Amino acid sequence: LQAFSARSASGIMARKKTEEAALAAKVAADDLVVIGV
């Protein structure tokens, strides 16, 4: 889960970086869900 606000540039960037970091774990797609809050 990545809490963010689209009104904030830092929030948009944090959401993107968190998604990339989660995918970097190289976990099977069926085992991982990334959700922006």
PDB file of all heavy atoms in Angstrom:
ATOM      1  N   LEU A   1       0.853  -1.191   0.000  1.00  0.00           N
ATOM      2  CA  LEU A   1       0.000   0.000   0.000  1.00  0.00           C
ATOM      3  C   LEU A   1       0.886   1.237   0.000  1.00  0.00           C
ATOM      4  O   LEU A   1       1.832   1.322   0.778  1.00  0.00           O
ATOM      5  CB  LEU A   1      -0.895   0.026   1.234  1.00  0.00           C
ATOM      6  CG  LEU A   1      -1.816  -1.172   1.475  1.00  0.00           C
ATOM      7  CD1 LEU A   1      -2.477  -1.062   2.850  1.00  0.00           C
ATOM      8  CD2 LEU A   1      -2.889  -1.250   0.380  1.00  0.00           C
ATOM      9  N   GLN A   2       0.571   2.187  -0.858  1.00  0.00           N
ATOM     10  CA  GLN A   2       1.290   3.465  -0.855  1.00  0.00           C
ATOM     11  C   GLN A   2       0.275   4.590  -0.717  1.00  0.00           C
ATOM     12  O   GLN A   2      -0.507   4.849  -1.627  1.00  0.00           O
ATOM     13  CB  GLN A   2       2.103   3.645  -2.133  1.00  0.00           C
ATOM     14  CG  GLN A   2       2.750   5.019  -2.264  1.00  0.00           C
ATOM     15  CD  GLN A   2       3.790   5.282  -1.178  1.00  0.00           C
ATOM     16  OE1 GLN A   2       4.740   4.525  -1.042  1.00  0.00           O
ATOM     17  NE2 GLN A   2       3.618   6.363  -0.409  1.00  0.00           N
ATOM     18  N   ALA A   3       0.284   5.232   0.444  1.00  0.00           N
ATOM     19  CA  ALA A   3      -0.586   6.382   0.659  1.00  0.00           C
ATOM     20  C   ALA A   3       0.025   7.584  -0.053  1.00  0.00           C
ATOM     21  O   ALA A   3       1.228   7.830   0.052  1.00  0.00           O
ATOM     22  CB  ALA A   3      -0.738   6.657   2.153  1.00  0.00           C
ATOM     23  N   PHE A   4      -0.805   8.338  -0.784  1.00  0.00           N
ATOM     24  CA  PHE A   4      -0.295   9.488  -1.527  1.00  0.00           C
ATOM     25  C   PHE A   4      -1.444  10.421  -1.874  1.00  0.00           C
ATOM     26  O   PHE A   4      -2.619  10.071  -1.746  1.00  0.00           O
ATOM     27  CB  PHE A   4       0.405   9.035  -2.815  1.00  0.00           C
ATOM     28  CG  PHE A   4      -0.546   8.630  -3.922  1.00  0.00           C
ATOM     29  CD1 PHE A   4      -0.750   9.463  -5.008  1.00  0.00           C
ATOM     30  CD2 PHE A   4      -1.247   7.433  -3.862  1.00  0.00           C
ATOM     31  CE1 PHE A   4      -1.635   9.114  -6.019  1.00  0.00           C
ATOM     32  CE2 PHE A   4      -2.129   7.061  -4.873  1.00  0.00           C
ATOM     33  CZ  PHE A   4      -2.319   7.909  -5.960  1.00  0.00           C
ATOM     34  N   SER A   5      -1.099  11.613  -2.331  1.00  0.00           N
ATOM     35  CA  SER A   5      -2.068  12.548  -2.880  1.00  0.00           C
ATOM     36  C   SER A   5      -1.571  12.984  -4.244  1.00  0.00           C
ATOM     37  O   SER A   5      -0.397  13.346  -4.400  1.00  0.00           O
ATOM     38  CB  SER A   5      -2.243  13.780  -1.983  1.00  0.00           C
ATOM     39  OG  SER A   5      -3.010  14.770  -2.664  1.00  0.00           O
ATOM     40  N   ALA A   6      -2.452  12.962  -5.239  1.00  0.00           N
ATOM     41  CA  ALA A   6      -2.065  13.367  -6.584  1.00  0.00           C
ATOM     42  C   ALA A   6      -1.827  14.874  -6.664  1.00  0.00           C
ATOM     43  O   ALA A   6      -1.283  15.362  -7.656  1.00  0.00           O
ATOM     44  CB  ALA A   6      -3.144  12.956  -7.584  1.00  0.00           C
ATOM     45  N   ARG A   7      -2.202  15.599  -5.622  1.00  0.00           N
ATOM     46  CA  ARG A   7      -1.934  17.041  -5.596  1.00  0.00           C
ATOM     47  C   ARG A   7      -0.474  17.332  -5.283  1.00  0.00           C
ATOM     48  O   ARG A   7      -0.006  18.450  -5.451  1.00  0.00           O
ATOM     49  CB  ARG A   7      -2.816  17.709  -4.537  1.00  0.00           C
ATOM     50  CG  ARG A   7      -4.281  17.753  -4.907  1.00  0.00           C
ATOM     51  CD  ARG A   7      -5.106  18.416  -3.841  1.00  0.00           C
ATOM     52  NE  ARG A   7      -4.765  19.834  -3.690  1.00  0.00           N
ATOM     53  CZ  ARG A   7      -5.389  20.654  -2.852  1.00  0.00           C
ATOM     54  NH1 ARG A   7      -6.354  20.188  -2.067  1.00  0.00           N
ATOM     55  NH2 ARG A   7      -5.056  21.909  -2.783  1.00  0.00           N
ATOM     56  N   SER A   8       0.231  16.332  -4.807  1.00  0.00           N
ATOM     57  CA  SER A   8       1.618  16.502  -4.390  1.00  0.00           C
ATOM     58  C   SER A   8       2.558  15.794  -5.363  1.00  0.00           C
ATOM     59  O   SER A   8       2.397  14.599  -5.637  1.00  0.00           O
ATOM     60  CB  SER A   8       1.808  15.933  -2.975  1.00  0.00           C
ATOM     61  OG  SER A   8       3.157  15.733  -2.680  1.00  0.00           O
ATOM     62  N   ALA A   9       3.556  16.545  -5.863  1.00  0.00           N
ATOM     63  CA  ALA A   9       4.530  15.930  -6.763  1.00  0.00           C
ATOM     64  C   ALA A   9       5.310  14.833  -6.038  1.00  0.00           C
ATOM     65  O   ALA A   9       5.627  13.787  -6.621  1.00  0.00           O
ATOM     66  CB  ALA A   9       5.493  16.995  -7.289  1.00  0.00           C
ATOM     67  N   SER A  10       5.600  15.058  -4.750  1.00  0.00           N
ATOM     68  CA  SER A  10       6.323  14.044  -3.980  1.00  0.00           C
ATOM     69  C   SER A  10       5.466  12.804  -3.781  1.00  0.00           C
ATOM     70  O   SER A  10       5.982  11.679  -3.757  1.00  0.00           O
ATOM     71  CB  SER A  10       6.754  14.614  -2.624  1.00  0.00           C
ATOM     72  OG  SER A  10       5.620  14.979  -1.847  1.00  0.00           O
ATOM     73  N   GLY A  11       4.155  12.995  -3.673  1.00  0.00           N
ATOM     74  CA  GLY A  11       3.254  11.855  -3.536  1.00  0.00           C
ATOM     75  C   GLY A  11       3.200  11.022  -4.803  1.00  0.00           C
ATOM     76  O   GLY A  11       3.241   9.782  -4.751  1.00  0.00           O
ATOM     77  N   ILE A  12       3.133  11.680  -5.960  1.00  0.00           N
ATOM     78  CA  ILE A  12       3.128  10.985  -7.247  1.00  0.00           C
ATOM     79  C   ILE A  12       4.433  10.200  -7.419  1.00  0.00           C
ATOM     80  O   ILE A  12       4.437   9.042  -7.835  1.00  0.00           O
ATOM     81  CB  ILE A  12       2.954  11.981  -8.406  1.00  0.00           C
ATOM     82  CG1 ILE A  12       1.548  12.598  -8.383  1.00  0.00           C
ATOM     83  CG2 ILE A  12       3.216  11.303  -9.738  1.00  0.00           C
ATOM     84  CD1 ILE A  12       0.437  11.639  -8.716  1.00  0.00           C
ATOM     85  N   MET A  13       5.539  10.843  -7.077  1.00  0.00           N
ATOM     86  CA  MET A  13       6.844  10.185  -7.221  1.00  0.00           C
ATOM     87  C   MET A  13       6.983   9.010  -6.253  1.00  0.00           C
ATOM     88  O   MET A  13       7.500   7.949  -6.620  1.00  0.00           O
ATOM     89  CB  MET A  13       7.961  11.195  -6.973  1.00  0.00           C
ATOM     90  CG  MET A  13       9.361  10.636  -7.197  1.00  0.00           C
ATOM     91  SD  MET A  13       9.618   9.983  -8.871  1.00  0.00           S
ATOM     92  CE  MET A  13       9.503  11.521  -9.832  1.00  0.00           C
ATOM     93  N   ALA A  14       6.496   9.192  -5.014  1.00  0.00           N
ATOM     94  CA  ALA A  14       6.580   8.112  -4.022  1.00  0.00           C
ATOM     95  C   ALA A  14       5.790   6.899  -4.482  1.00  0.00           C
ATOM     96  O   ALA A  14       6.244   5.756  -4.330  1.00  0.00           O
ATOM     97  CB  ALA A  14       6.066   8.603  -2.675  1.00  0.00           C
ATOM     98  N   ARG A  15       4.601   7.136  -5.053  1.00  0.00           N
ATOM     99  CA  ARG A  15       3.788   6.018  -5.518  1.00  0.00           C
ATOM    100  C   ARG A  15       4.510   5.244  -6.613  1.00  0.00           C
ATOM    101  O   ARG A  15       4.551   4.014  -6.614  1.00  0.00           O
ATOM    102  CB  ARG A  15       2.439   6.546  -6.025  1.00  0.00           C
ATOM    103  CG  ARG A  15       1.428   5.442  -6.328  1.00  0.00           C
ATOM    104  CD  ARG A  15       0.650   5.762  -7.564  1.00  0.00           C
ATOM    105  NE  ARG A  15       1.484   5.991  -8.715  1.00  0.00           N
ATOM    106  CZ  ARG A  15       2.063   5.020  -9.438  1.00  0.00           C
ATOM    107  NH1 ARG A  15       1.931   3.756  -9.091  1.00  0.00           N
ATOM    108  NH2 ARG A  15       2.805   5.316 -10.490  1.00  0.00           N
ATOM    109  N   LYS A  16       5.132   5.976  -7.539  1.00  0.00           N
ATOM    110  CA  LYS A  16       5.850   5.331  -8.642  1.00  0.00           C
ATOM    111  C   LYS A  16       7.046   4.529  -8.128  1.00  0.00           C
ATOM    112  O   LYS A  16       7.272   3.386  -8.538  1.00  0.00           O
ATOM    113  CB  LYS A  16       6.321   6.393  -9.638  1.00  0.00           C
ATOM    114  CG  LYS A  16       7.037   5.812 -10.846  1.00  0.00           C
ATOM    115  CD  LYS A  16       7.463   6.916 -11.800  1.00  0.00           C
ATOM    116  CE  LYS A  16       8.210   6.331 -13.009  1.00  0.00           C
ATOM    117  NZ  LYS A  16       8.639   7.394 -13.948  1.00  0.00           N
ATOM    118  N   LYS A  17       7.827   5.134  -7.215  1.00  0.00           N
ATOM    119  CA  LYS A  17       9.013   4.465  -6.693  1.00  0.00           C
ATOM    120  C   LYS A  17       8.642   3.227  -5.884  1.00  0.00           C
ATOM    121  O   LYS A  17       9.348   2.213  -5.927  1.00  0.00           O
ATOM    122  CB  LYS A  17       9.818   5.438  -5.835  1.00  0.00           C
ATOM    123  CG  LYS A  17      10.580   6.481  -6.643  1.00  0.00           C
ATOM    124  CD  LYS A  17      11.437   7.360  -5.746  1.00  0.00           C
ATOM    125  CE  LYS A  17      12.276   8.334  -6.555  1.00  0.00           C
ATOM    126  NZ  LYS A  17      13.121   9.190  -5.676  1.00  0.00           N
ATOM    127  N   THR A  18       7.546   3.295  -5.150  1.00  0.00           N
ATOM    128  CA  THR A  18       7.108   2.140  -4.362  1.00  0.00           C
ATOM    129  C   THR A  18       6.683   1.002  -5.270  1.00  0.00           C
ATOM    130  O   THR A  18       6.992  -0.165  -5.009  1.00  0.00           O
ATOM    131  CB  THR A  18       5.966   2.537  -3.420  1.00  0.00           C
ATOM    132  OG1 THR A  18       6.459   3.464  -2.455  1.00  0.00           O
ATOM    133  CG2 THR A  18       5.387   1.323  -2.704  1.00  0.00           C
ATOM    134  N   GLU A  19       5.988   1.327  -6.346  1.00  0.00           N
ATOM    135  CA  GLU A  19       5.604   0.293  -7.314  1.00  0.00           C
ATOM    136  C   GLU A  19       6.844  -0.379  -7.889  1.00  0.00           C
ATOM    137  O   GLU A  19       6.924  -1.612  -7.967  1.00  0.00           O
ATOM    138  CB  GLU A  19       4.776   0.919  -8.441  1.00  0.00           C
ATOM    139  CG  GLU A  19       4.365  -0.086  -9.511  1.00  0.00           C
ATOM    140  CD  GLU A  19       3.659   0.565 -10.690  1.00  0.00           C
ATOM    141  OE1 GLU A  19       3.468   1.804 -10.680  1.00  0.00           O
ATOM    142  OE2 GLU A  19       3.318  -0.163 -11.637  1.00  0.00           O
ATOM    143  N   GLU A  20       7.838   0.423  -8.280  1.00  0.00           N
ATOM    144  CA  GLU A  20       9.078  -0.129  -8.840  1.00  0.00           C
ATOM    145  C   GLU A  20       9.811  -0.982  -7.810  1.00  0.00           C
ATOM    146  O   GLU A  20      10.363  -2.041  -8.146  1.00  0.00           O
ATOM    147  CB  GLU A  20       9.976   1.014  -9.321  1.00  0.00           C
ATOM    148  CG  GLU A  20       9.417   1.758 -10.537  1.00  0.00           C
ATOM    149  CD  GLU A  20      10.205   3.015 -10.869  1.00  0.00           C
ATOM    150  OE1 GLU A  20      11.056   3.413 -10.039  1.00  0.00           O
ATOM    151  OE2 GLU A  20       9.969   3.589 -11.945  1.00  0.00           O
ATOM    152  N   ALA A  21       9.824  -0.523  -6.555  1.00  0.00           N
ATOM    153  CA  ALA A  21      10.506  -1.271  -5.490  1.00  0.00           C
ATOM    154  C   ALA A  21       9.834  -2.610  -5.241  1.00  0.00           C
ATOM    155  O   ALA A  21      10.500  -3.623  -4.997  1.00  0.00           O
ATOM    156  CB  ALA A  21      10.529  -0.448  -4.213  1.00  0.00           C
ATOM    157  N   ALA A  22       8.501  -2.625  -5.290  1.00  0.00           N
ATOM    158  CA  ALA A  22       7.768  -3.882  -5.080  1.00  0.00           C
ATOM    159  C   ALA A  22       8.071  -4.867  -6.205  1.00  0.00           C
ATOM    160  O   ALA A  22       8.302  -6.059  -5.965  1.00  0.00           O
ATOM    161  CB  ALA A  22       6.277  -3.597  -5.004  1.00  0.00           C
ATOM    162  N   LEU A  23       8.094  -4.376  -7.445  1.00  0.00           N
ATOM    163  CA  LEU A  23       8.371  -5.251  -8.586  1.00  0.00           C
ATOM    164  C   LEU A  23       9.814  -5.745  -8.574  1.00  0.00           C
ATOM    165  O   LEU A  23      10.108  -6.834  -9.082  1.00  0.00           O
ATOM    166  CB  LEU A  23       8.074  -4.513  -9.893  1.00  0.00           C
ATOM    167  CG  LEU A  23       6.600  -4.119 -10.111  1.00  0.00           C
ATOM    168  CD1 LEU A  23       6.445  -3.317 -11.394  1.00  0.00           C
ATOM    169  CD2 LEU A  23       5.703  -5.351 -10.137  1.00  0.00           C
ATOM    170  N   ALA A  24      10.702  -4.950  -7.965  1.00  0.00           N
ATOM    171  CA  ALA A  24      12.120  -5.341  -7.891  1.00  0.00           C
ATOM    172  C   ALA A  24      12.330  -6.579  -7.026  1.00  0.00           C
ATOM    173  O   ALA A  24      13.379  -7.225  -7.106  1.00  0.00           O
ATOM    174  CB  ALA A  24      12.960  -4.184  -7.342  1.00  0.00           C
ATOM    175  N   ALA A  25      11.343  -6.911  -6.206  1.00  0.00           N
ATOM    176  CA  ALA A  25      11.437  -8.116  -5.376  1.00  0.00           C
ATOM    177  C   ALA A  25      11.325  -9.386  -6.214  1.00  0.00           C
ATOM    178  O   ALA A  25      11.628 -10.476  -5.723  1.00  0.00           O
ATOM    179  CB  ALA A  25      10.362  -8.096  -4.297  1.00  0.00           C
ATOM    180  N   LYS A  26      10.863  -9.222  -7.454  1.00  0.00           N
ATOM    181  CA  LYS A  26      10.747 -10.349  -8.401  1.00  0.00           C
ATOM    182  C   LYS A  26       9.881 -11.479  -7.841  1.00  0.00           C
ATOM    183  O   LYS A  26      10.246 -12.656  -7.872  1.00  0.00           O
ATOM    184  CB  LYS A  26      12.127 -10.872  -8.803  1.00  0.00           C
ATOM    185  CG  LYS A  26      13.004  -9.824  -9.481  1.00  0.00           C
ATOM    186  CD  LYS A  26      14.306 -10.407  -9.981  1.00  0.00           C
ATOM    187  CE  LYS A  26      15.221  -9.343 -10.566  1.00  0.00           C
ATOM    188  NZ  LYS A  26      14.631  -8.580 -11.662  1.00  0.00           N
ATOM    189  N   VAL A  27       8.741 -11.069  -7.311  1.00  0.00           N
ATOM    190  CA  VAL A  27       7.762 -12.022  -6.800  1.00  0.00           C
ATOM    191  C   VAL A  27       6.784 -12.348  -7.917  1.00  0.00           C
ATOM    192  O   VAL A  27       6.484 -11.484  -8.764  1.00  0.00           O
ATOM    193  CB  VAL A  27       7.020 -11.419  -5.585  1.00  0.00           C
ATOM    194  CG1 VAL A  27       5.860 -12.292  -5.148  1.00  0.00           C
ATOM    195  CG2 VAL A  27       7.996 -11.226  -4.436  1.00  0.00           C
ATOM    196  N   ALA A  28       6.285 -13.568  -7.940  1.00  0.00           N
ATOM    197  CA  ALA A  28       5.322 -13.963  -8.970  1.00  0.00           C
ATOM    198  C   ALA A  28       4.135 -12.994  -8.975  1.00  0.00           C
ATOM    199  O   ALA A  28       3.657 -12.566  -7.923  1.00  0.00           O
ATOM    200  CB  ALA A  28       4.830 -15.381  -8.699  1.00  0.00           C
ATOM    201  N   ALA A  29       3.692 -12.640 -10.168  1.00  0.00           N
ATOM    202  CA  ALA A  29       2.627 -11.643 -10.313  1.00  0.00           C
ATOM    203  C   ALA A  29       1.369 -12.017  -9.528  1.00  0.00           C
ATOM    204  O   ALA A  29       0.679 -11.139  -8.989  1.00  0.00           O
ATOM    205  CB  ALA A  29       2.299 -11.468 -11.798  1.00  0.00           C
ATOM    206  N   ASP A  30       1.080 -13.310  -9.452  1.00  0.00           N
ATOM    207  CA  ASP A  30      -0.123 -13.755  -8.739  1.00  0.00           C
ATOM    208  C   ASP A  30       0.010 -13.610  -7.227  1.00  0.00           C
ATOM    209  O   ASP A  30      -0.985 -13.701  -6.510  1.00  0.00           O
ATOM    210  CB  ASP A  30      -0.432 -15.221  -9.069  1.00  0.00           C
ATOM    211  CG  ASP A  30      -0.929 -15.398 -10.497  1.00  0.00           C
ATOM    212  OD1 ASP A  30      -1.309 -14.383 -11.121  1.00  0.00           O
ATOM    213  OD2 ASP A  30      -0.919 -16.543 -10.985  1.00  0.00           O
ATOM    214  N   ASP A  31       1.233 -13.402  -6.748  1.00  0.00           N
ATOM    215  CA  ASP A  31       1.471 -13.325  -5.309  1.00  0.00           C
ATOM    216  C   ASP A  31       1.573 -11.897  -4.789  1.00  0.00           C
ATOM    217  O   ASP A  31       1.700 -11.689  -3.576  1.00  0.00           O
ATOM    218  CB  ASP A  31       2.773 -14.050  -4.943  1.00  0.00           C
ATOM    219  CG  ASP A  31       2.610 -15.552  -4.935  1.00  0.00           C
ATOM    220  OD1 ASP A  31       1.458 -16.011  -4.900  1.00  0.00           O
ATOM    221  OD2 ASP A  31       3.629 -16.266  -4.966  1.00  0.00           O
ATOM    222  N   LEU A  32       1.525 -10.916  -5.674  1.00  0.00           N
ATOM    223  CA  LEU A  32       1.774  -9.531  -5.269  1.00  0.00           C
ATOM    224  C   LEU A  32       0.713  -8.587  -5.821  1.00  0.00           C
ATOM    225  O   LEU A  32       0.335  -8.674  -6.993  1.00  0.00           O
ATOM    226  CB  LEU A  32       3.153  -9.091  -5.784  1.00  0.00           C
ATOM    227  CG  LEU A  32       3.567  -7.639  -5.544  1.00  0.00           C
ATOM    228  CD1 LEU A  32       3.749  -7.374  -4.044  1.00  0.00           C
ATOM    229  CD2 LEU A  32       4.849  -7.312  -6.299  1.00  0.00           C
ATOM    230  N   VAL A  33       0.245  -7.695  -4.950  1.00  0.00           N
ATOM    231  CA  VAL A  33      -0.695  -6.646  -5.363  1.00  0.00           C
ATOM    232  C   VAL A  33      -0.175  -5.316  -4.829  1.00  0.00           C
ATOM    233  O   VAL A  33       0.125  -5.192  -3.641  1.00  0.00           O
ATOM    234  CB  VAL A  33      -2.123  -6.897  -4.817  1.00  0.00           C
ATOM    235  CG1 VAL A  33      -3.062  -5.766  -5.243  1.00  0.00           C
ATOM    236  CG2 VAL A  33      -2.651  -8.235  -5.300  1.00  0.00           C
ATOM    237  N   VAL A  34      -0.057  -4.328  -5.711  1.00  0.00           N
ATOM    238  CA  VAL A  34       0.356  -2.986  -5.322  1.00  0.00           C
ATOM    239  C   VAL A  34      -0.854  -2.063  -5.470  1.00  0.00           C
ATOM    240  O   VAL A  34      -1.482  -2.020  -6.533  1.00  0.00           O
ATOM    241  CB  VAL A  34       1.514  -2.470  -6.195  1.00  0.00           C
ATOM    242  CG1 VAL A  34       1.936  -1.069  -5.745  1.00  0.00           C
ATOM    243  CG2 VAL A  34       2.701  -3.425  -6.138  1.00  0.00           C
ATOM    244  N   ILE A  35      -1.175  -1.356  -4.399  1.00  0.00           N
ATOM    245  CA  ILE A  35      -2.360  -0.487  -4.395  1.00  0.00           C
ATOM    246  C   ILE A  35      -1.966   0.906  -3.936  1.00  0.00           C
ATOM    247  O   ILE A  35      -1.336   1.072  -2.890  1.00  0.00           O
ATOM    248  CB  ILE A  35      -3.455  -1.049  -3.455  1.00  0.00           C
ATOM    249  CG1 ILE A  35      -3.866  -2.450  -3.883  1.00  0.00           C
ATOM    250  CG2 ILE A  35      -4.672  -0.118  -3.444  1.00  0.00           C
ATOM    251  CD1 ILE A  35      -4.821  -3.123  -2.912  1.00  0.00           C
ATOM    252  N   GLY A  36      -2.349   1.903  -4.712  1.00  0.00           N
ATOM    253  CA  GLY A  36      -2.196   3.282  -4.278  1.00  0.00           C
ATOM    254  C   GLY A  36      -3.390   3.675  -3.422  1.00  0.00           C
ATOM    255  O   GLY A  36      -4.531   3.323  -3.752  1.00  0.00           O
ATOM    256  N   VAL A  37      -3.133   4.349  -2.324  1.00  0.00           N
ATOM    257  CA  VAL A  37      -4.222   4.798  -1.440  1.00  0.00           C
ATOM    258  C   VAL A  37      -4.224   6.328  -1.480  1.00  0.00           C
ATOM    259  O   VAL A  37      -3.342   6.976  -0.912  1.00  0.00           O
ATOM    260  CB  VAL A  37      -4.021   4.302   0.007  1.00  0.00           C
ATOM    261  CG1 VAL A  37      -5.144   4.819   0.900  1.00  0.00           C
ATOM    262  CG2 VAL A  37      -3.963   2.784   0.049  1.00  0.00           C
TER     263      VAL A  37
END
